[in-house]
C-alpha atoms as a PDB file:
ATOM      1  CA  UNK A   1     107.038  86.329 113.108  1.00  0.00           C
ATOM      2  CA  UNK A   2     104.975  88.015 110.500  1.00  0.00           C
ATOM      3  CA  UNK A   3     107.112  90.962 107.915  1.00  0.00           C
ATOM      4  CA  UNK A   4     105.856  94.568 109.212  1.00  0.00           C
ATOM      5  CA  UNK A   5     102.463  94.855 106.841  1.00  0.00           C
ATOM      6  CA  UNK A   6     101.660  98.433 105.832  1.00  0.00           C
ATOM      7  CA  UNK A   7      97.530  97.550 105.876  1.00  0.00           C
ATOM      8  CA  UNK A   8      96.588 100.713 108.019  1.00  0.00           C
ATOM      9  CA  UNK A   9      99.509 102.642 105.975  1.00  0.00           C
ATOM     10  CA  UNK A  10      97.391 101.779 102.626  1.00  0.00           C
ATOM     11  CA  UNK A  11      93.939 102.354 104.756  1.00  0.00           C
ATOM     12  CA  UNK A  12      94.584 105.180 105.619  1.00  0.00           C
ATOM     13  CA  UNK A  13      95.357 106.481 102.465  1.00  0.00           C
ATOM     14  CA  UNK A  14      92.366 105.296 100.806  1.00  0.00           C
ATOM     15  CA  UNK A  15      90.180 106.965 103.393  1.00  0.00           C
ATOM     16  CA  UNK A  16      92.010 110.428 102.872  1.00  0.00           C
ATOM     17  CA  UNK A  17      91.710 110.273  99.366  1.00  0.00           C
ATOM     18  CA  UNK A  18      87.913 109.788  99.397  1.00  0.00           C
ATOM     19  CA  UNK A  19      87.716 106.110  98.158  1.00  0.00           C
ATOM     20  CA  UNK A  20      86.346 104.628 101.500  1.00  0.00           C
ATOM     21  CA  UNK A  21      88.686 102.240 103.774  1.00  0.00           C
ATOM     22  CA  UNK A  22      87.991  99.223 106.020  1.00  0.00           C
ATOM     23  CA  UNK A  23      90.782  96.843 107.970  1.00  0.00           C
ATOM     24  CA  UNK A  24      90.110  92.983 108.398  1.00  0.00           C
ATOM     25  CA  UNK A  25      92.116  91.784 111.324  1.00  0.00           C
ATOM     26  CA  UNK A  26      93.021  88.039 112.126  1.00  0.00           C
ATOM     27  CA  UNK A  27      92.190  88.258 115.975  1.00  0.00           C
ATOM     28  CA  UNK A  28      91.462  84.138 115.974  1.00  0.00           C
ATOM     29  CA  UNK A  29      93.255  80.817 113.728  1.00  0.00           C
ATOM     30  CA  UNK A  30      93.950  77.409 114.351  1.00  0.00           C
ATOM     31  CA  UNK A  31      97.255  76.285 114.778  1.00  0.00           C
ATOM     32  CA  UNK A  32      98.605  75.686 111.321  1.00  0.00           C
ATOM     33  CA  UNK A  33      96.896  78.712 109.949  1.00  0.00           C
ATOM     34  CA  UNK A  34      98.589  80.730 107.174  1.00  0.00           C
ATOM     35  CA  UNK A  35      98.325  83.624 108.619  1.00  0.00           C
ATOM     36  CA  UNK A  36      98.914  85.079 112.182  1.00  0.00           C
ATOM     37  CA  UNK A  37      96.344  86.528 114.904  1.00  0.00           C
ATOM     38  CA  UNK A  38      97.359  90.248 114.318  1.00  0.00           C
ATOM     39  CA  UNK A  39      97.372  89.922 110.135  1.00  0.00           C
ATOM     40  CA  UNK A  40      95.656  92.487 108.089  1.00  0.00           C
ATOM     41  CA  UNK A  41      93.908  92.849 104.934  1.00  0.00           C
ATOM     42  CA  UNK A  42      92.840  96.381 103.934  1.00  0.00           C
ATOM     43  CA  UNK A  43      90.454  96.868 101.498  1.00  0.00           C
ATOM     44  CA  UNK A  44      89.055  99.658  99.747  1.00  0.00           C
ATOM     45  CA  UNK A  45      85.380 101.013  98.144  1.00  0.00           C
ATOM     46  CA  UNK A  46      86.160  99.874  95.380  1.00  0.00           C
ATOM     47  CA  UNK A  47      86.936  96.192  96.018  1.00  0.00           C
ATOM     48  CA  UNK A  48      90.559  96.514  95.720  1.00  0.00           C
ATOM     49  CA  UNK A  49      92.964  94.829  98.620  1.00  0.00           C
ATOM     50  CA  UNK A  50      96.389  94.715  99.619  1.00  0.00           C
ATOM     51  CA  UNK A  51      97.417  92.251 102.881  1.00  0.00           C
ATOM     52  CA  UNK A  52      95.860  88.770 103.313  1.00  0.00           C
ATOM     53  CA  UNK A  53      94.256  87.137 106.382  1.00  0.00           C
ATOM     54  CA  UNK A  54      93.832  83.823 105.097  1.00  0.00           C
ATOM     55  CA  UNK A  55      96.553  83.448 102.557  1.00  0.00           C
ATOM     56  CA  UNK A  56      93.384  82.672 100.217  1.00  0.00           C
ATOM     57  CA  UNK A  57      91.059  80.704 101.888  1.00  0.00           C
ATOM     58  CA  UNK A  58      88.088  83.388 103.144  1.00  0.00           C
ATOM     59  CA  UNK A  59      89.536  86.849 101.625  1.00  0.00           C
ATOM     60  CA  UNK A  60      86.298  86.607  99.294  1.00  0.00           C
ATOM     61  CA  UNK A  61      84.316  86.382 101.976  1.00  0.00           C
ATOM     62  CA  UNK A  62      85.918  89.074 103.806  1.00  0.00           C
ATOM     63  CA  UNK A  63      86.071  91.759 100.539  1.00  0.00           C
ATOM     64  CA  UNK A  64      81.884  91.179 100.699  1.00  0.00           C
ATOM     65  CA  UNK A  65      80.972  91.456 104.139  1.00  0.00           C
ATOM     66  CA  UNK A  66      83.587  94.387 104.380  1.00  0.00           C
ATOM     67  CA  UNK A  67      82.434  96.408 101.203  1.00  0.00           C
ATOM     68  CA  UNK A  68      78.870  95.915 103.574  1.00  0.00           C
ATOM     69  CA  UNK A  69      80.511  97.275 106.611  1.00  0.00           C
ATOM     70  CA  UNK A  70      81.152 100.220 104.571  1.00  0.00           C
ATOM     71  CA  UNK A  71      77.616 101.218 103.893  1.00  0.00           C
ATOM     72  CA  UNK A  72      76.250 100.177 106.826  1.00  0.00           C
ATOM     73  CA  UNK A  73      78.918 102.207 108.930  1.00  0.00           C
ATOM     74  CA  UNK A  74      79.637  99.251 111.606  1.00  0.00           C
ATOM     75  CA  UNK A  75      82.461  97.243 112.407  1.00  0.00           C
ATOM     76  CA  UNK A  76      81.703  92.994 111.905  1.00  0.00           C
ATOM     77  CA  UNK A  77      83.487  89.866 113.728  1.00  0.00           C
ATOM     78  CA  UNK A  78      83.043  87.181 111.144  1.00  0.00           C
ATOM     79  CA  UNK A  79      83.561  83.609 111.624  1.00  0.00           C
ATOM     80  CA  UNK A  80      84.911  81.225 109.261  1.00  0.00           C
ATOM     81  CA  UNK A  81      85.314  77.254 108.931  1.00  0.00           C
ATOM     82  CA  UNK A  82      87.797  76.499 106.763  1.00  0.00           C
ATOM     83  CA  UNK A  83      87.987  73.053 105.533  1.00  0.00           C
ATOM     84  CA  UNK A  84      90.435  69.942 104.876  1.00  0.00           C
ATOM     85  CA  UNK A  85      89.816  70.235 101.684  1.00  0.00           C
ATOM     86  CA  UNK A  86      89.394  74.114 101.310  1.00  0.00           C
ATOM     87  CA  UNK A  87      93.405  74.110 103.107  1.00  0.00           C
ATOM     88  CA  UNK A  88      95.149  71.282 101.256  1.00  0.00           C
ATOM     89  CA  UNK A  89      94.428  73.621  97.489  1.00  0.00           C
ATOM     90  CA  UNK A  90      96.103  76.068  99.137  1.00  0.00           C
ATOM     91  CA  UNK A  91      98.957  74.696 100.475  1.00  0.00           C
ATOM     92  CA  UNK A  92      98.151  73.780 104.184  1.00  0.00           C
ATOM     93  CA  UNK A  93      97.867  70.845 105.586  1.00  0.00           C
ATOM     94  CA  UNK A  94      94.877  70.966 107.620  1.00  0.00           C
ATOM     95  CA  UNK A  95      91.796  73.610 107.711  1.00  0.00           C
ATOM     96  CA  UNK A  96      90.267  75.577 111.221  1.00  0.00           C
ATOM     97  CA  UNK A  97      88.122  77.976 112.131  1.00  0.00           C
ATOM     98  CA  UNK A  98      89.364  82.022 111.802  1.00  0.00           C
ATOM     99  CA  UNK A  99      87.846  84.482 113.242  1.00  0.00           C
ATOM    100  CA  UNK A 100      87.989  88.287 111.506  1.00  0.00           C
ATOM    101  CA  UNK A 101      87.204  91.774 112.526  1.00  0.00           C
ATOM    102  CA  UNK A 102      86.144  94.041 109.948  1.00  0.00           C
ATOM    103  CA  UNK A 103      86.878  97.712 110.607  1.00  0.00           C
ATOM    104  CA  UNK A 104      85.501 100.797 108.372  1.00  0.00           C
ATOM    105  CA  UNK A 105      87.761 103.400 108.800  1.00  0.00           C
ATOM    106  CA  UNK A 106      85.882 106.835 109.120  1.00  0.00           C
ATOM    107  CA  UNK A 107      82.731 105.497 111.245  1.00  0.00           C
ATOM    108  CA  UNK A 108      84.380 102.597 113.562  1.00  0.00           C
ATOM    109  CA  UNK A 109      87.654 103.461 113.432  1.00  0.00           C
ATOM    110  CA  UNK A 110      88.474 107.202 114.008  1.00  0.00           C
ATOM    111  CA  UNK A 111      91.212 108.604 111.018  1.00  0.00           C
ATOM    112  CA  UNK A 112      93.068 110.705 113.814  1.00  0.00           C
ATOM    113  CA  UNK A 113      93.311 107.020 116.061  1.00  0.00           C
ATOM    114  CA  UNK A 114      94.299 105.078 112.644  1.00  0.00           C
ATOM    115  CA  UNK A 115      96.439 108.521 112.005  1.00  0.00           C
ATOM    116  CA  UNK A 116      98.489 108.306 114.960  1.00  0.00           C
ATOM    117  CA  UNK A 117      99.001 104.942 114.779  1.00  0.00           C
ATOM    118  CA  UNK A 118     100.843 104.737 111.212  1.00  0.00           C
ATOM    119  CA  UNK A 119     102.592 108.141 112.702  1.00  0.00           C
ATOM    120  CA  UNK A 120     104.285 105.805 115.335  1.00  0.00           C
ATOM    121  CA  UNK A 121     104.660 103.337 113.233  1.00  0.00           C
ATOM    122  CA  UNK A 122     106.719 105.033 111.389  1.00  0.00           C
ATOM    123  CA  UNK A 123     108.806 106.559 113.858  1.00  0.00           C
ATOM    124  CA  UNK A 124     109.447 102.759 115.136  1.00  0.00           C
ATOM    125  CA  UNK A 125     107.189 103.575 118.390  1.00  0.00           C
ATOM    126  CA  UNK A 126     106.042 100.536 119.718  1.00  0.00           C
ATOM    127  CA  UNK A 127     101.878 100.425 121.020  1.00  0.00           C
ATOM    128  CA  UNK A 128      99.066  97.894 121.191  1.00  0.00           C
ATOM    129  CA  UNK A 129      95.641  98.804 119.930  1.00  0.00           C
ATOM    130  CA  UNK A 130      92.972  97.489 121.435  1.00  0.00           C
ATOM    131  CA  UNK A 131      88.936  96.637 120.991  1.00  0.00           C
ATOM    132  CA  UNK A 132      86.391  95.562 123.888  1.00  0.00           C
ATOM    133  CA  UNK A 133      84.746  93.363 121.299  1.00  0.00           C
ATOM    134  CA  UNK A 134      81.729  93.535 123.209  1.00  0.00           C
ATOM    135  CA  UNK A 135      81.396  97.326 124.060  1.00  0.00           C
ATOM    136  CA  UNK A 136      82.768  98.545 120.463  1.00  0.00           C
ATOM    137  CA  UNK A 137      85.494 100.507 122.291  1.00  0.00           C
ATOM    138  CA  UNK A 138      88.973 101.321 120.903  1.00  0.00           C
ATOM    139  CA  UNK A 139      92.267 102.728 122.450  1.00  0.00           C
ATOM    140  CA  UNK A 140      96.233 103.181 121.238  1.00  0.00           C
ATOM    141  CA  UNK A 141      97.688 101.868 124.424  1.00  0.00           C
ATOM    142  CA  UNK A 142     101.731 102.328 124.134  1.00  0.00           C
ATOM    143  CA  UNK A 143     102.740 101.041 128.061  1.00  0.00           C
ATOM    144  CA  UNK A 144     101.594  98.153 128.548  1.00  0.00           C
ATOM    145  CA  UNK A 145     100.794  94.491 127.354  1.00  0.00           C
ATOM    146  CA  UNK A 146     104.315  93.670 127.818  1.00  0.00           C
ATOM    147  CA  UNK A 147     104.639  90.090 127.484  1.00  0.00           C
ATOM    148  CA  UNK A 148     102.416  90.601 124.499  1.00  0.00           C
ATOM    149  CA  UNK A 149     104.586  93.131 123.340  1.00  0.00           C
ATOM    150  CA  UNK A 150     107.551  91.175 123.975  1.00  0.00           C
ATOM    151  CA  UNK A 151     106.355  88.171 122.191  1.00  0.00           C
ATOM    152  CA  UNK A 152     104.631  89.575 119.099  1.00  0.00           C
ATOM    153  CA  UNK A 153     101.477  88.367 120.561  1.00  0.00           C
ATOM    154  CA  UNK A 154      98.291  89.632 119.263  1.00  0.00           C
ATOM    155  CA  UNK A 155      95.118  87.961 120.844  1.00  0.00           C
ATOM    156  CA  UNK A 156      91.687  88.153 123.019  1.00  0.00           C
ATOM    157  CA  UNK A 157      93.111  88.523 126.689  1.00  0.00           C
ATOM    158  CA  UNK A 158      91.254  86.569 129.274  1.00  0.00           C
ATOM    159  CA  UNK A 159      87.958  87.697 129.153  1.00  0.00           C
ATOM    160  CA  UNK A 160      87.567  86.862 126.183  1.00  0.00           C
ATOM    161  CA  UNK A 161      86.369  90.133 124.443  1.00  0.00           C
ATOM    162  CA  UNK A 162      89.354  92.411 125.160  1.00  0.00           C
ATOM    163  CA  UNK A 163      91.614  91.733 121.343  1.00  0.00           C
ATOM    164  CA  UNK A 164      95.005  93.371 121.308  1.00  0.00           C
ATOM    165  CA  UNK A 165      96.780  94.004 118.158  1.00  0.00           C
ATOM    166  CA  UNK A 166     100.363  94.092 118.861  1.00  0.00           C
ATOM    167  CA  UNK A 167     102.062  97.088 116.535  1.00  0.00           C
ATOM    168  CA  UNK A 168     105.998  96.314 116.946  1.00  0.00           C
ATOM    169  CA  UNK A 169     108.699  97.628 114.607  1.00  0.00           C
ATOM    170  CA  UNK A 170     110.041  95.481 112.937  1.00  0.00           C
ATOM    171  CA  UNK A 171     113.616  93.854 114.117  1.00  0.00           C
ATOM    172  CA  UNK A 172     116.664  95.254 113.131  1.00  0.00           C
ATOM    173  CA  UNK A 173     119.886  93.838 113.082  1.00  0.00           C
ATOM    174  CA  UNK A 174     123.062  95.778 112.766  1.00  0.00           C
ATOM    175  CA  UNK A 175     126.166  94.122 111.863  1.00  0.00           C
ATOM    176  CA  UNK A 176     129.587  95.642 112.514  1.00  0.00           C
ATOM    177  CA  UNK A 177     132.294  94.056 110.843  1.00  0.00           C
ATOM    178  CA  UNK A 178     131.507  92.817 107.472  1.00  0.00           C
ATOM    179  CA  UNK A 179     133.133  89.295 107.256  1.00  0.00           C
ATOM    180  CA  UNK A 180     132.505  85.602 106.690  1.00  0.00           C
ATOM    181  CA  UNK A 181     130.282  84.938 109.143  1.00  0.00           C
ATOM    182  CA  UNK A 182     128.219  88.043 108.751  1.00  0.00           C
ATOM    183  CA  UNK A 183     128.059  86.864 105.356  1.00  0.00           C
ATOM    184  CA  UNK A 184     125.941  83.937 106.435  1.00  0.00           C
ATOM    185  CA  UNK A 185     124.098  85.671 108.977  1.00  0.00           C
ATOM    186  CA  UNK A 186     122.522  88.291 107.504  1.00  0.00           C
ATOM    187  CA  UNK A 187     120.623  86.408 104.898  1.00  0.00           C
ATOM    188  CA  UNK A 188     119.088  83.814 108.175  1.00  0.00           C
ATOM    189  CA  UNK A 189     118.232  87.104 109.814  1.00  0.00           C
ATOM    190  CA  UNK A 190     116.396  87.876 106.747  1.00  0.00           C
ATOM    191  CA  UNK A 191     114.692  84.894 106.538  1.00  0.00           C
ATOM    192  CA  UNK A 192     114.309  85.342 110.450  1.00  0.00           C
ATOM    193  CA  UNK A 193     112.597  88.523 109.881  1.00  0.00           C
ATOM    194  CA  UNK A 194     114.977  91.011 110.512  1.00  0.00           C
ATOM    195  CA  UNK A 195     116.481  94.134 108.529  1.00  0.00           C
ATOM    196  CA  UNK A 196     119.749  93.837 108.539  1.00  0.00           C
ATOM    197  CA  UNK A 197     122.220  96.035 107.915  1.00  0.00           C
ATOM    198  CA  UNK A 198     125.974  96.122 107.534  1.00  0.00           C
ATOM    199  CA  UNK A 199     128.370  98.023 108.577  1.00  0.00           C
ATOM    200  CA  UNK A 200     132.104  98.570 107.617  1.00  0.00           C
ATOM    201  CA  UNK A 201     134.326 101.227 106.608  1.00  0.00           C
ATOM    202  CA  UNK A 202     136.490  99.077 104.209  1.00  0.00           C
ATOM    203  CA  UNK A 203     134.804  99.236 101.110  1.00  0.00           C
ATOM    204  CA  UNK A 204     136.392  95.705 100.086  1.00  0.00           C
ATOM    205  CA  UNK A 205     134.669  94.119 102.296  1.00  0.00           C
ATOM    206  CA  UNK A 206     131.397  95.432 102.449  1.00  0.00           C
ATOM    207  CA  UNK A 207     130.580  94.823  98.869  1.00  0.00           C
ATOM    208  CA  UNK A 208     127.963  94.777  96.993  1.00  0.00           C
ATOM    209  CA  UNK A 209     129.302  91.503  95.691  1.00  0.00           C
ATOM    210  CA  UNK A 210     130.045  90.061  99.173  1.00  0.00           C
ATOM    211  CA  UNK A 211     126.202  91.470 100.751  1.00  0.00           C
ATOM    212  CA  UNK A 212     124.327  91.655  97.573  1.00  0.00           C
ATOM    213  CA  UNK A 213     120.973  92.987  97.801  1.00  0.00           C
ATOM    214  CA  UNK A 214     121.987  94.300 101.131  1.00  0.00           C
ATOM    215  CA  UNK A 215     121.807  97.679 103.123  1.00  0.00           C
ATOM    216  CA  UNK A 216     125.564  98.669 103.487  1.00  0.00           C
ATOM    217  CA  UNK A 217     126.909 101.763 104.996  1.00  0.00           C
ATOM    218  CA  UNK A 218     130.723 102.210 105.058  1.00  0.00           C
ATOM    219  CA  UNK A 219     130.549 104.929 107.531  1.00  0.00           C
ATOM    220  CA  UNK A 220     132.484 104.249 111.483  1.00  0.00           C
ATOM    221  CA  UNK A 221     130.528 102.117 113.493  1.00  0.00           C
ATOM    222  CA  UNK A 222     129.530 104.789 116.292  1.00  0.00           C
ATOM    223  CA  UNK A 223     128.471 107.695 113.133  1.00  0.00           C
ATOM    224  CA  UNK A 224     126.399 104.612 111.245  1.00  0.00           C
ATOM    225  CA  UNK A 225     124.433 103.745 114.729  1.00  0.00           C
ATOM    226  CA  UNK A 226     124.093 107.259 115.813  1.00  0.00           C
ATOM    227  CA  UNK A 227     122.292 107.599 111.696  1.00  0.00           C
ATOM    228  CA  UNK A 228     120.348 104.505 112.402  1.00  0.00           C
ATOM    229  CA  UNK A 229     119.629 105.460 116.007  1.00  0.00           C
ATOM    230  CA  UNK A 230     119.249 102.091 118.303  1.00  0.00           C
ATOM    231  CA  UNK A 231     116.145 100.821 120.187  1.00  0.00           C
ATOM    232  CA  UNK A 232     113.987  97.895 121.976  1.00  0.00           C
ATOM    233  CA  UNK A 233     113.743  96.141 118.000  1.00  0.00           C
ATOM    234  CA  UNK A 234     117.209  96.384 117.571  1.00  0.00           C
ATOM    235  CA  UNK A 235     120.376  94.173 117.849  1.00  0.00           C
ATOM    236  CA  UNK A 236     123.941  94.582 117.563  1.00  0.00           C
ATOM    237  CA  UNK A 237     126.862  92.036 116.144  1.00  0.00           C
ATOM    238  CA  UNK A 238     130.297  93.001 116.767  1.00  0.00           C
ATOM    239  CA  UNK A 239     132.116  90.818 114.736  1.00  0.00           C
ATOM    240  CA  UNK A 240     135.232  93.340 113.183  1.00  0.00           C
ATOM    241  CA  UNK A 241     137.985  91.981 116.578  1.00  0.00           C
ATOM    242  CA  UNK A 242     139.177  95.635 115.679  1.00  0.00           C
ATOM    243  CA  UNK A 243     138.080  97.840 119.042  1.00  0.00           C
ATOM    244  CA  UNK A 244     138.535 100.870 117.353  1.00  0.00           C
ATOM    245  CA  UNK A 245     135.871  99.094 114.903  1.00  0.00           C
ATOM    246  CA  UNK A 246     133.678  97.540 117.997  1.00  0.00           C
ATOM    247  CA  UNK A 247     134.284  99.598 120.393  1.00  0.00           C
ATOM    248  CA  UNK A 248     132.397 103.201 119.300  1.00  0.00           C
ATOM    249  CA  UNK A 249     129.327 100.867 118.324  1.00  0.00           C
ATOM    250  CA  UNK A 250     129.331  98.746 121.724  1.00  0.00           C
ATOM    251  CA  UNK A 251     129.047 101.944 123.637  1.00  0.00           C
ATOM    252  CA  UNK A 252     126.441 103.542 122.045  1.00  0.00           C
ATOM    253  CA  UNK A 253     124.526  99.971 122.495  1.00  0.00           C
ATOM    254  CA  UNK A 254     125.196  99.944 126.357  1.00  0.00           C
ATOM    255  CA  UNK A 255     123.826 103.515 126.655  1.00  0.00           C
ATOM    256  CA  UNK A 256     120.975 102.829 124.334  1.00  0.00           C
ATOM    257  CA  UNK A 257     117.875  99.968 124.962  1.00  0.00           C
ATOM    258  CA  UNK A 258     118.893  97.675 122.368  1.00  0.00           C
ATOM    259  CA  UNK A 259     117.315  93.985 122.876  1.00  0.00           C
ATOM    260  CA  UNK A 260     120.679  92.017 122.004  1.00  0.00           C
ATOM    261  CA  UNK A 261     124.705  93.107 122.308  1.00  0.00           C
ATOM    262  CA  UNK A 262     126.678  90.395 120.047  1.00  0.00           C
ATOM    263  CA  UNK A 263     130.512  90.590 120.666  1.00  0.00           C
ATOM    264  CA  UNK A 264     132.220  88.008 119.059  1.00  0.00           C
ATOM    265  CA  UNK A 265     135.799  87.015 120.283  1.00  0.00           C
ATOM    266  CA  UNK A 266     137.156  84.169 122.801  1.00  0.00           C
ATOM    267  CA  UNK A 267     137.051  84.402 126.408  1.00  0.00           C
ATOM    268  CA  UNK A 268     140.307  86.514 126.656  1.00  0.00           C
ATOM    269  CA  UNK A 269     139.127  88.664 124.282  1.00  0.00           C
ATOM    270  CA  UNK A 270     136.100  89.264 125.687  1.00  0.00           C
ATOM    271  CA  UNK A 271     138.190  89.924 129.149  1.00  0.00           C
ATOM    272  CA  UNK A 272     139.659  92.940 127.545  1.00  0.00           C
ATOM    273  CA  UNK A 273     136.335  94.448 126.252  1.00  0.00           C
ATOM    274  CA  UNK A 274     135.187  94.140 129.189  1.00  0.00           C
ATOM    275  CA  UNK A 275     138.048  96.352 130.826  1.00  0.00           C
ATOM    276  CA  UNK A 276     137.760  98.885 128.017  1.00  0.00           C
ATOM    277  CA  UNK A 277     134.200  99.150 128.667  1.00  0.00           C
ATOM    278  CA  UNK A 278     134.693  99.949 132.779  1.00  0.00           C
ATOM    279  CA  UNK A 279     137.627 102.395 132.216  1.00  0.00           C
ATOM    280  CA  UNK A 280     134.966 104.049 129.780  1.00  0.00           C
ATOM    281  CA  UNK A 281     132.315 104.633 132.338  1.00  0.00           C
ATOM    282  CA  UNK A 282     130.234 101.472 132.308  1.00  0.00           C
ATOM    283  CA  UNK A 283     128.474 100.161 135.124  1.00  0.00           C
ATOM    284  CA  UNK A 284     129.082  96.450 135.961  1.00  0.00           C
ATOM    285  CA  UNK A 285     124.979  95.804 135.144  1.00  0.00           C
ATOM    286  CA  UNK A 286     125.589  97.861 131.817  1.00  0.00           C
ATOM    287  CA  UNK A 287     128.731  95.308 130.586  1.00  0.00           C
ATOM    288  CA  UNK A 288     126.451  92.283 131.602  1.00  0.00           C
ATOM    289  CA  UNK A 289     124.075  92.705 128.662  1.00  0.00           C
ATOM    290  CA  UNK A 290     127.500  92.194 125.982  1.00  0.00           C
ATOM    291  CA  UNK A 291     127.047  88.395 125.164  1.00  0.00           C
ATOM    292  CA  UNK A 292     130.710  87.574 124.245  1.00  0.00           C
ATOM    293  CA  UNK A 293     132.248  84.701 122.927  1.00  0.00           C
ATOM    294  CA  UNK A 294     128.985  85.740 121.217  1.00  0.00           C
ATOM    295  CA  UNK A 295     126.473  83.370 120.623  1.00  0.00           C
ATOM    296  CA  UNK A 296     125.134  80.040 122.106  1.00  0.00           C
ATOM    297  CA  UNK A 297     127.261  76.666 123.049  1.00  0.00           C
ATOM    298  CA  UNK A 298     126.553  74.812 120.200  1.00  0.00           C
ATOM    299  CA  UNK A 299     130.137  73.406 119.142  1.00  0.00           C
ATOM    300  CA  UNK A 300     130.147  75.974 116.193  1.00  0.00           C
ATOM    301  CA  UNK A 301     132.754  75.354 113.504  1.00  0.00           C
ATOM    302  CA  UNK A 302     133.209  77.094 110.703  1.00  0.00           C
ATOM    303  CA  UNK A 303     130.834  80.795 109.773  1.00  0.00           C
ATOM    304  CA  UNK A 304     127.715  78.956 108.730  1.00  0.00           C
ATOM    305  CA  UNK A 305     127.723  77.216 112.267  1.00  0.00           C
ATOM    306  CA  UNK A 306     128.198  80.272 114.168  1.00  0.00           C
ATOM    307  CA  UNK A 307     126.081  82.403 112.389  1.00  0.00           C
ATOM    308  CA  UNK A 308     123.311  79.311 113.673  1.00  0.00           C
ATOM    309  CA  UNK A 309     124.717  79.952 117.249  1.00  0.00           C
ATOM    310  CA  UNK A 310     124.563  84.144 117.343  1.00  0.00           C
ATOM    311  CA  UNK A 311     120.443  83.794 115.776  1.00  0.00           C
ATOM    312  CA  UNK A 312     119.472  81.741 117.826  1.00  0.00           C
ATOM    313  CA  UNK A 313     120.979  83.246 121.186  1.00  0.00           C
ATOM    314  CA  UNK A 314     119.624  86.472 119.675  1.00  0.00           C
ATOM    315  CA  UNK A 315     116.252  84.652 119.211  1.00  0.00           C
ATOM    316  CA  UNK A 316     116.303  82.794 123.093  1.00  0.00           C
ATOM    317  CA  UNK A 317     117.035  86.826 124.503  1.00  0.00           C
ATOM    318  CA  UNK A 318     114.022  88.204 122.615  1.00  0.00           C
ATOM    319  CA  UNK A 319     111.848  86.158 123.795  1.00  0.00           C
ATOM    320  CA  UNK A 320     112.496  86.200 127.184  1.00  0.00           C
ATOM    321  CA  UNK A 321     114.770  82.344 127.323  1.00  0.00           C
ATOM    322  CA  UNK A 322     118.262  83.919 127.790  1.00  0.00           C
END
C-alpha cells in the first residue's frame, strides 16, 4: 500500500497562493510499475512538483503536459509506453503502459471540491473521488465502492470510463503494552504502511531507547485511545497480559469501528477476558471481534515470529480473508 501522499494538500495550497496547480493521477499501469493506480503528482504553475506518478519514467513528460493543461484549462488523459530499457534504468524489471489523468485545479477540478477532499483527509474520513472521463464530471462519494475502499484499490469501473480514486486515511496500529513483541511488531507494521502508536504508562518499558523514533504515549490506555480516536482504519493490539491496562482499551475498541482487535494470552486467559467483557455488557457479536489468542496459528516461537503472526492476521482481516 502506498504511504499517505500529500499531493492534494500541496496542489490546493499552490492554487490558493496564486501559483496555479494541476494534479496528475495514475489511472492505469502495469503490474511491476513503481507507483500504484491512484498515486499522484502535484505540479505548480512554475514547474515545481511534489509526489510521483512513475518513479522517474515519465515525470518530465507529465510536467510539460500539465503546464500546457494549466494554460488551456482542460483535463488531459495521457498514455505513455515505458520501454524495458527505460524501466531497467530506474530499477524496474520490465516496462509497460501507464495512463495519467491531469486535472488543473480551478478550471477542471473545482477548488471547493478539492478543499472538501483535503478536509476529509485531515479528519480521517474515507471517501472516493470519482471522475467520468467521457463526460468530464466529478464527484466526491462518501458511502459507496465498498470493495474498492476495503482493498485500497483505485481504478476504472467496468464501463472503462468511470475512474474511482480511493482516499482512505492512513492505516494506524495502536499497541497497548511496550513489551518485546511490540518491539518487533512496530517496525514491521511501519514497513507495511501503518502509523504505529505505543501506549504504556510504564515509562521503563515505553522508552525512546526501546522504541526509537516512534510515537509513545504514557497515558493510561483508555485515556490514550480516547485522545487518538478509533475508526475503521485502526487496528488495536493488546500485549500487556494485565486486565487493568488491556480492558479499558479493549472496551473502547469493542464500542468503536476498528477493523482489528487482537489480544495476547492463552486460550484460558482469553476465556477469562471474554467473561469480563460479558460482565461489562458487551454482546457475543461484539466480543467475537476479538482475535485471541492473537495472531495466525503459524507455530510462532519468540517475539519476532509472534509479531509476524499478528501482522499477517491484521492483513487477512483488513483484506477480507479472515
